[in-house]
Amino acid sequence: MATSARFRALRRRVSILRTSFLPEKMSPTGDYSVRKQERACGFSILVHAEIEAFLEDRTREIFHKFCRDFNRDRKVSYSLSCFLCCYHSSWIEIDERHNSEIIAMAKNRGQANSVADVIQKASIQFSQIISNNHGVKEKNLRSLLIPIGVDFDSLDSIWIAEMESFGALRGERAHTSASVTRTINPEDELYVVRRLLIGLQTLDEKINQLT
């Protein structure tokens, strides 16, 4: 199945970052200068940002699509049904802080006079959820993907675990002083990103199948 233009843009961007930040030839002994290790760290942090943006853009794209389709045809699609179910069940529970936010949003729902009104109110809330997303961990994936109709149980659990680790590592590196001693292997960083892209391509194809 063909991938989306947005995924192809992500893949091109990762390729550019690989050329800009990682050694052209990897060391067979895994011995790299501090400078090359720091650049490899920068590569992973920037790829994390690109993946995060990809997930948010694809989520936003598909949810705008099924809202437009409803306005045109006045038919409730499978994805729109999932979206409204999540809206009426206060979205996806993540943590206590998030729960307090969705309770506040629920209190501001107001009266709806039609399905179109409900969709509009839900769209405003979901747009806020997308804008407030910060990360690529499992909780982030659930919040973005389940409301648009992605069957989360059908996703590769190993890939989800790899995304969780990648997100945690990014946070650790972004908030750790450069003076802290650490060893980074550029080849390992590239391997992880390539693994993540395989799963992201599969996800992208699943999103393309949503109706």
C-alpha atoms as a PDB file:
ATOM      1  CA  MET A   1       0.000   0.000   0.000  1.00  0.00           C
ATOM      2  CA  ALA A   2       1.208   3.521  -0.816  1.00  0.00           C
ATOM      3  CA  THR A   3       2.361   5.727   2.029  1.00  0.00           C
ATOM      4  CA  SER A   4       1.089   9.239   2.645  1.00  0.00           C
ATOM      5  CA  ALA A   5       2.869  12.350   1.435  1.00  0.00           C
ATOM      6  CA  ARG A   6       3.413  13.258   5.090  1.00  0.00           C
ATOM      7  CA  PHE A   7       5.239  10.002   5.817  1.00  0.00           C
ATOM      8  CA  ARG A   8       7.420  10.416   2.748  1.00  0.00           C
ATOM      9  CA  ALA A   9       8.284  13.911   3.977  1.00  0.00           C
ATOM     10  CA  LEU A  10       9.244  12.450   7.361  1.00  0.00           C
ATOM     11  CA  ARG A  11      11.473   9.864   5.729  1.00  0.00           C
ATOM     12  CA  ARG A  12      13.201  12.537   3.632  1.00  0.00           C
ATOM     13  CA  ARG A  13      13.732  14.704   6.691  1.00  0.00           C
ATOM     14  CA  VAL A  14      15.277  11.822   8.645  1.00  0.00           C
ATOM     15  CA  SER A  15      17.580  11.150   5.698  1.00  0.00           C
ATOM     16  CA  ILE A  16      18.732  14.777   5.744  1.00  0.00           C
ATOM     17  CA  LEU A  17      19.363  14.619   9.489  1.00  0.00           C
ATOM     18  CA  ARG A  18      21.302  11.395   9.067  1.00  0.00           C
ATOM     19  CA  THR A  19      23.559  13.058   6.478  1.00  0.00           C
ATOM     20  CA  SER A  20      23.959  16.205   8.558  1.00  0.00           C
ATOM     21  CA  PHE A  21      24.630  14.672  11.972  1.00  0.00           C
ATOM     22  CA  LEU A  22      25.962  11.128  11.657  1.00  0.00           C
ATOM     23  CA  PRO A  23      29.297   9.908  10.274  1.00  0.00           C
ATOM     24  CA  GLU A  24      29.272   8.899   6.633  1.00  0.00           C
ATOM     25  CA  LYS A  25      31.062   5.691   7.607  1.00  0.00           C
ATOM     26  CA  MET A  26      30.486   3.992  10.942  1.00  0.00           C
ATOM     27  CA  SER A  27      33.408   2.794  13.054  1.00  0.00           C
ATOM     28  CA  PRO A  28      33.815  -1.012  13.032  1.00  0.00           C
ATOM     29  CA  THR A  29      35.090  -0.806  16.628  1.00  0.00           C
ATOM     30  CA  GLY A  30      32.403   1.593  17.905  1.00  0.00           C
ATOM     31  CA  ASP A  31      35.035   4.166  18.807  1.00  0.00           C
ATOM     32  CA  TYR A  32      33.776   7.733  18.248  1.00  0.00           C
ATOM     33  CA  SER A  33      34.983  11.167  19.287  1.00  0.00           C
ATOM     34  CA  VAL A  34      33.000  13.212  21.790  1.00  0.00           C
ATOM     35  CA  ARG A  35      31.962  15.526  18.966  1.00  0.00           C
ATOM     36  CA  LYS A  36      30.521  12.656  16.923  1.00  0.00           C
ATOM     37  CA  GLN A  37      28.698  11.332  19.972  1.00  0.00           C
ATOM     38  CA  GLU A  38      27.174  14.730  20.681  1.00  0.00           C
ATOM     39  CA  ARG A  39      26.066  15.048  17.068  1.00  0.00           C
ATOM     40  CA  ALA A  40      24.497  11.589  17.271  1.00  0.00           C
ATOM     41  CA  CYS A  41      22.627  12.732  20.368  1.00  0.00           C
ATOM     42  CA  GLY A  42      21.410  15.783  18.443  1.00  0.00           C
ATOM     43  CA  PHE A  43      20.297  13.517  15.606  1.00  0.00           C
ATOM     44  CA  SER A  44      18.053  11.489  17.910  1.00  0.00           C
ATOM     45  CA  ILE A  45      16.555  14.558  19.587  1.00  0.00           C
ATOM     46  CA  LEU A  46      15.714  16.137  16.232  1.00  0.00           C
ATOM     47  CA  VAL A  47      14.280  12.882  14.869  1.00  0.00           C
ATOM     48  CA  HIS A  48      12.085  12.669  17.973  1.00  0.00           C
ATOM     49  CA  ALA A  49      10.696  16.115  17.163  1.00  0.00           C
ATOM     50  CA  GLU A  50      10.059  15.083  13.550  1.00  0.00           C
ATOM     51  CA  ILE A  51       8.226  11.903  14.585  1.00  0.00           C
ATOM     52  CA  GLU A  52       6.139  13.823  17.111  1.00  0.00           C
ATOM     53  CA  ALA A  53       5.149  16.338  14.433  1.00  0.00           C
ATOM     54  CA  PHE A  54       4.332  13.524  11.991  1.00  0.00           C
ATOM     55  CA  LEU A  55       1.978  11.836  14.461  1.00  0.00           C
ATOM     56  CA  GLU A  56       0.218  15.096  15.254  1.00  0.00           C
ATOM     57  CA  ASP A  57      -0.101  16.092  11.590  1.00  0.00           C
ATOM     58  CA  ARG A  58      -1.503  12.723  10.492  1.00  0.00           C
ATOM     59  CA  THR A  59      -3.961  12.705  13.388  1.00  0.00           C
ATOM     60  CA  ARG A  60      -5.088  16.235  12.584  1.00  0.00           C
ATOM     61  CA  GLU A  61      -5.335  15.416   8.876  1.00  0.00           C
ATOM     62  CA  ILE A  62      -7.570  12.360   9.265  1.00  0.00           C
ATOM     63  CA  PHE A  63      -9.862  13.893  11.856  1.00  0.00           C
ATOM     64  CA  HIS A  64     -10.385  16.973   9.676  1.00  0.00           C
ATOM     65  CA  LYS A  65     -11.125  14.648   6.771  1.00  0.00           C
ATOM     66  CA  PHE A  66     -13.887  12.687   8.481  1.00  0.00           C
ATOM     67  CA  CYS A  67     -15.421  15.909   9.801  1.00  0.00           C
ATOM     68  CA  ARG A  68     -15.473  17.302   6.245  1.00  0.00           C
ATOM     69  CA  ASP A  69     -16.950  14.057   4.950  1.00  0.00           C
ATOM     70  CA  PHE A  70     -19.753  14.257   7.507  1.00  0.00           C
ATOM     71  CA  ASN A  71     -20.529  17.857   6.610  1.00  0.00           C
ATOM     72  CA  ARG A  72     -20.737  16.828   2.956  1.00  0.00           C
ATOM     73  CA  ASP A  73     -22.588  13.501   3.181  1.00  0.00           C
ATOM     74  CA  ARG A  74     -24.221  13.635   6.619  1.00  0.00           C
ATOM     75  CA  LYS A  75     -23.095  10.037   7.175  1.00  0.00           C
ATOM     76  CA  VAL A  76     -21.272   8.879  10.304  1.00  0.00           C
ATOM     77  CA  SER A  77     -18.157   6.921   9.328  1.00  0.00           C
ATOM     78  CA  TYR A  78     -16.364   4.321  11.447  1.00  0.00           C
ATOM     79  CA  SER A  79     -13.648   6.833  12.378  1.00  0.00           C
ATOM     80  CA  LEU A  80     -16.194   9.466  13.295  1.00  0.00           C
ATOM     81  CA  SER A  81     -18.009   6.934  15.489  1.00  0.00           C
ATOM     82  CA  CYS A  82     -14.732   6.217  17.332  1.00  0.00           C
ATOM     83  CA  PHE A  83     -14.113   9.932  17.656  1.00  0.00           C
ATOM     84  CA  LEU A  84     -17.546  10.611  19.185  1.00  0.00           C
ATOM     85  CA  CYS A  85     -17.248   7.601  21.519  1.00  0.00           C
ATOM     86  CA  CYS A  86     -13.945   8.964  22.852  1.00  0.00           C
ATOM     87  CA  TYR A  87     -15.477  12.414  23.223  1.00  0.00           C
ATOM     88  CA  HIS A  88     -18.416  11.124  25.253  1.00  0.00           C
ATOM     89  CA  SER A  89     -16.154   8.935  27.412  1.00  0.00           C
ATOM     90  CA  SER A  90     -13.910  11.940  28.171  1.00  0.00           C
ATOM     91  CA  TRP A  91     -11.215  10.905  25.692  1.00  0.00           C
ATOM     92  CA  ILE A  92      -8.359   8.660  26.844  1.00  0.00           C
ATOM     93  CA  GLU A  93      -7.368   8.632  30.502  1.00  0.00           C
ATOM     94  CA  ILE A  94      -3.674   9.281  30.998  1.00  0.00           C
ATOM     95  CA  ASP A  95      -2.971  10.654  34.436  1.00  0.00           C
ATOM     96  CA  GLU A  96      -4.547  12.707  37.210  1.00  0.00           C
ATOM     97  CA  ARG A  97      -3.494  16.008  35.668  1.00  0.00           C
ATOM     98  CA  HIS A  98      -5.004  15.079  32.327  1.00  0.00           C
ATOM     99  CA  ASN A  99      -8.197  13.853  33.971  1.00  0.00           C
ATOM    100  CA  SER A 100      -8.693  17.232  35.655  1.00  0.00           C
ATOM    101  CA  GLU A 101      -8.293  18.901  32.258  1.00  0.00           C
ATOM    102  CA  ILE A 102     -10.921  16.750  30.545  1.00  0.00           C
ATOM    103  CA  ILE A 103     -13.339  17.277  33.454  1.00  0.00           C
ATOM    104  CA  ALA A 104     -12.947  21.016  32.965  1.00  0.00           C
ATOM    105  CA  MET A 105     -13.536  20.605  29.234  1.00  0.00           C
ATOM    106  CA  ALA A 106     -16.633  18.494  29.858  1.00  0.00           C
ATOM    107  CA  LYS A 107     -18.140  21.193  32.049  1.00  0.00           C
ATOM    108  CA  ASN A 108     -17.763  23.645  29.178  1.00  0.00           C
ATOM    109  CA  ARG A 109     -19.477  21.467  26.586  1.00  0.00           C
ATOM    110  CA  GLY A 110     -22.772  23.318  26.752  1.00  0.00           C
ATOM    111  CA  GLN A 111     -25.961  22.234  25.043  1.00  0.00           C
ATOM    112  CA  ALA A 112     -25.826  20.598  21.623  1.00  0.00           C
ATOM    113  CA  ASN A 113     -28.772  20.925  19.236  1.00  0.00           C
ATOM    114  CA  SER A 114     -27.562  18.514  16.563  1.00  0.00           C
ATOM    115  CA  VAL A 115     -24.933  15.924  15.729  1.00  0.00           C
ATOM    116  CA  ALA A 116     -23.074  18.665  13.871  1.00  0.00           C
ATOM    117  CA  ASP A 117     -22.945  20.673  17.113  1.00  0.00           C
ATOM    118  CA  VAL A 118     -21.542  17.688  18.985  1.00  0.00           C
ATOM    119  CA  ILE A 119     -18.887  17.145  16.329  1.00  0.00           C
ATOM    120  CA  GLN A 120     -17.910  20.799  16.437  1.00  0.00           C
ATOM    121  CA  LYS A 121     -17.532  20.773  20.225  1.00  0.00           C
ATOM    122  CA  ALA A 122     -15.581  17.508  20.085  1.00  0.00           C
ATOM    123  CA  SER A 123     -13.349  18.911  17.352  1.00  0.00           C
ATOM    124  CA  ILE A 124     -12.433  21.919  19.477  1.00  0.00           C
ATOM    125  CA  GLN A 125     -11.456  19.670  22.381  1.00  0.00           C
ATOM    126  CA  PHE A 126      -9.498  17.228  20.226  1.00  0.00           C
ATOM    127  CA  SER A 127      -7.631  20.062  18.526  1.00  0.00           C
ATOM    128  CA  GLN A 128      -6.553  21.151  21.990  1.00  0.00           C
ATOM    129  CA  ILE A 129      -5.411  17.616  22.833  1.00  0.00           C
ATOM    130  CA  ILE A 130      -3.285  17.481  19.677  1.00  0.00           C
ATOM    131  CA  SER A 131      -1.785  20.909  20.342  1.00  0.00           C
ATOM    132  CA  ASN A 132      -0.940  19.922  23.909  1.00  0.00           C
ATOM    133  CA  ASN A 133       0.757  16.675  22.887  1.00  0.00           C
ATOM    134  CA  HIS A 134       4.406  16.452  23.872  1.00  0.00           C
ATOM    135  CA  GLY A 135       5.965  13.091  23.190  1.00  0.00           C
ATOM    136  CA  VAL A 136       5.846   9.788  21.347  1.00  0.00           C
ATOM    137  CA  LYS A 137       5.356   7.403  24.266  1.00  0.00           C
ATOM    138  CA  GLU A 138       2.506   4.925  24.491  1.00  0.00           C
ATOM    139  CA  LYS A 139       0.258   7.367  26.340  1.00  0.00           C
ATOM    140  CA  ASN A 140       0.783   9.919  23.560  1.00  0.00           C
ATOM    141  CA  LEU A 141       0.053   7.348  20.877  1.00  0.00           C
ATOM    142  CA  ARG A 142      -3.162   6.292  22.609  1.00  0.00           C
ATOM    143  CA  SER A 143      -4.392   9.866  22.977  1.00  0.00           C
ATOM    144  CA  LEU A 144      -3.804  10.641  19.312  1.00  0.00           C
ATOM    145  CA  LEU A 145      -4.659   7.394  17.552  1.00  0.00           C
ATOM    146  CA  ILE A 146      -7.609   5.800  19.342  1.00  0.00           C
ATOM    147  CA  PRO A 147      -9.960   8.784  18.786  1.00  0.00           C
ATOM    148  CA  ILE A 148      -9.400   8.637  15.010  1.00  0.00           C
ATOM    149  CA  GLY A 149     -10.239   4.934  14.850  1.00  0.00           C
ATOM    150  CA  VAL A 150      -6.856   3.173  14.936  1.00  0.00           C
ATOM    151  CA  ASP A 151      -7.156  -0.270  16.532  1.00  0.00           C
ATOM    152  CA  PHE A 152      -4.412   0.093  19.119  1.00  0.00           C
ATOM    153  CA  ASP A 153      -4.314  -3.635  19.844  1.00  0.00           C
ATOM    154  CA  SER A 154      -3.376  -4.260  16.206  1.00  0.00           C
ATOM    155  CA  LEU A 155      -0.136  -2.286  16.553  1.00  0.00           C
ATOM    156  CA  ASP A 156       3.127  -4.132  17.128  1.00  0.00           C
ATOM    157  CA  SER A 157       3.728  -4.226  20.885  1.00  0.00           C
ATOM    158  CA  ILE A 158       7.494  -4.369  20.355  1.00  0.00           C
ATOM    159  CA  TRP A 159       7.353  -1.214  18.245  1.00  0.00           C
ATOM    160  CA  ILE A 160       5.254   0.524  20.912  1.00  0.00           C
ATOM    161  CA  ALA A 161       7.851  -0.451  23.527  1.00  0.00           C
ATOM    162  CA  GLU A 162      10.599   0.924  21.273  1.00  0.00           C
ATOM    163  CA  MET A 163       8.688   4.204  20.911  1.00  0.00           C
ATOM    164  CA  GLU A 164       8.315   4.329  24.700  1.00  0.00           C
ATOM    165  CA  SER A 165      12.059   3.842  25.185  1.00  0.00           C
ATOM    166  CA  PHE A 166      12.886   6.368  22.472  1.00  0.00           C
ATOM    167  CA  GLY A 167      10.644   8.969  24.110  1.00  0.00           C
ATOM    168  CA  ALA A 168      12.096   8.328  27.559  1.00  0.00           C
ATOM    169  CA  LEU A 169      15.663   8.535  26.255  1.00  0.00           C
ATOM    170  CA  ARG A 170      14.934  11.791  24.479  1.00  0.00           C
ATOM    171  CA  GLY A 171      13.623  13.318  27.704  1.00  0.00           C
ATOM    172  CA  GLU A 172      16.650  12.102  29.632  1.00  0.00           C
ATOM    173  CA  ARG A 173      19.092  13.530  27.122  1.00  0.00           C
ATOM    174  CA  ALA A 174      17.286  16.814  26.674  1.00  0.00           C
ATOM    175  CA  HIS A 175      17.329  17.444  30.425  1.00  0.00           C
ATOM    176  CA  THR A 176      20.785  16.129  31.269  1.00  0.00           C
ATOM    177  CA  SER A 177      23.852  18.358  31.381  1.00  0.00           C
ATOM    178  CA  ALA A 178      26.399  17.797  28.633  1.00  0.00           C
ATOM    179  CA  SER A 179      28.988  17.447  31.400  1.00  0.00           C
ATOM    180  CA  VAL A 180      27.472  14.113  32.415  1.00  0.00           C
ATOM    181  CA  THR A 181      29.609  11.310  30.980  1.00  0.00           C
ATOM    182  CA  ARG A 182      27.784   9.049  28.527  1.00  0.00           C
ATOM    183  CA  THR A 183      28.735   6.892  25.584  1.00  0.00           C
ATOM    184  CA  ILE A 184      26.669   7.172  22.418  1.00  0.00           C
ATOM    185  CA  ASN A 185      27.140   4.976  19.379  1.00  0.00           C
ATOM    186  CA  PRO A 186      25.910   6.732  16.187  1.00  0.00           C
ATOM    187  CA  GLU A 187      25.302   3.397  14.496  1.00  0.00           C
ATOM    188  CA  ASP A 188      23.016   2.303  17.334  1.00  0.00           C
ATOM    189  CA  GLU A 189      21.116   5.600  17.128  1.00  0.00           C
ATOM    190  CA  LEU A 190      20.553   5.105  13.412  1.00  0.00           C
ATOM    191  CA  TYR A 191      19.446   1.506  13.912  1.00  0.00           C
ATOM    192  CA  VAL A 192      16.818   2.534  16.459  1.00  0.00           C
ATOM    193  CA  VAL A 193      15.437   5.259  14.194  1.00  0.00           C
ATOM    194  CA  ARG A 194      15.236   2.900  11.239  1.00  0.00           C
ATOM    195  CA  ARG A 195      13.300   0.420  13.384  1.00  0.00           C
ATOM    196  CA  LEU A 196      10.889   3.149  14.425  1.00  0.00           C
ATOM    197  CA  LEU A 197      10.351   4.219  10.816  1.00  0.00           C
ATOM    198  CA  ILE A 198       9.314   0.685   9.866  1.00  0.00           C
ATOM    199  CA  GLY A 199       6.584   0.786  12.514  1.00  0.00           C
ATOM    200  CA  LEU A 200       5.593   4.312  11.544  1.00  0.00           C
ATOM    201  CA  GLN A 201       5.174   3.229   7.942  1.00  0.00           C
ATOM    202  CA  THR A 202       2.854   0.425   9.044  1.00  0.00           C
ATOM    203  CA  LEU A 203       0.907   2.917  11.154  1.00  0.00           C
ATOM    204  CA  ASP A 204       0.733   5.345   8.251  1.00  0.00           C
ATOM    205  CA  GLU A 205      -0.774   2.628   6.067  1.00  0.00           C
ATOM    206  CA  LYS A 206      -3.336   1.810   8.756  1.00  0.00           C
ATOM    207  CA  ILE A 207      -4.324   5.460   8.934  1.00  0.00           C
ATOM    208  CA  ASN A 208      -4.737   5.506   5.137  1.00  0.00           C
ATOM    209  CA  GLN A 209      -7.272   2.681   5.481  1.00  0.00           C
ATOM    210  CA  LEU A 210      -9.468   4.547   7.965  1.00  0.00           C
ATOM    211  CA  THR A 211     -12.939   5.435   6.731  1.00  0.00           C
END
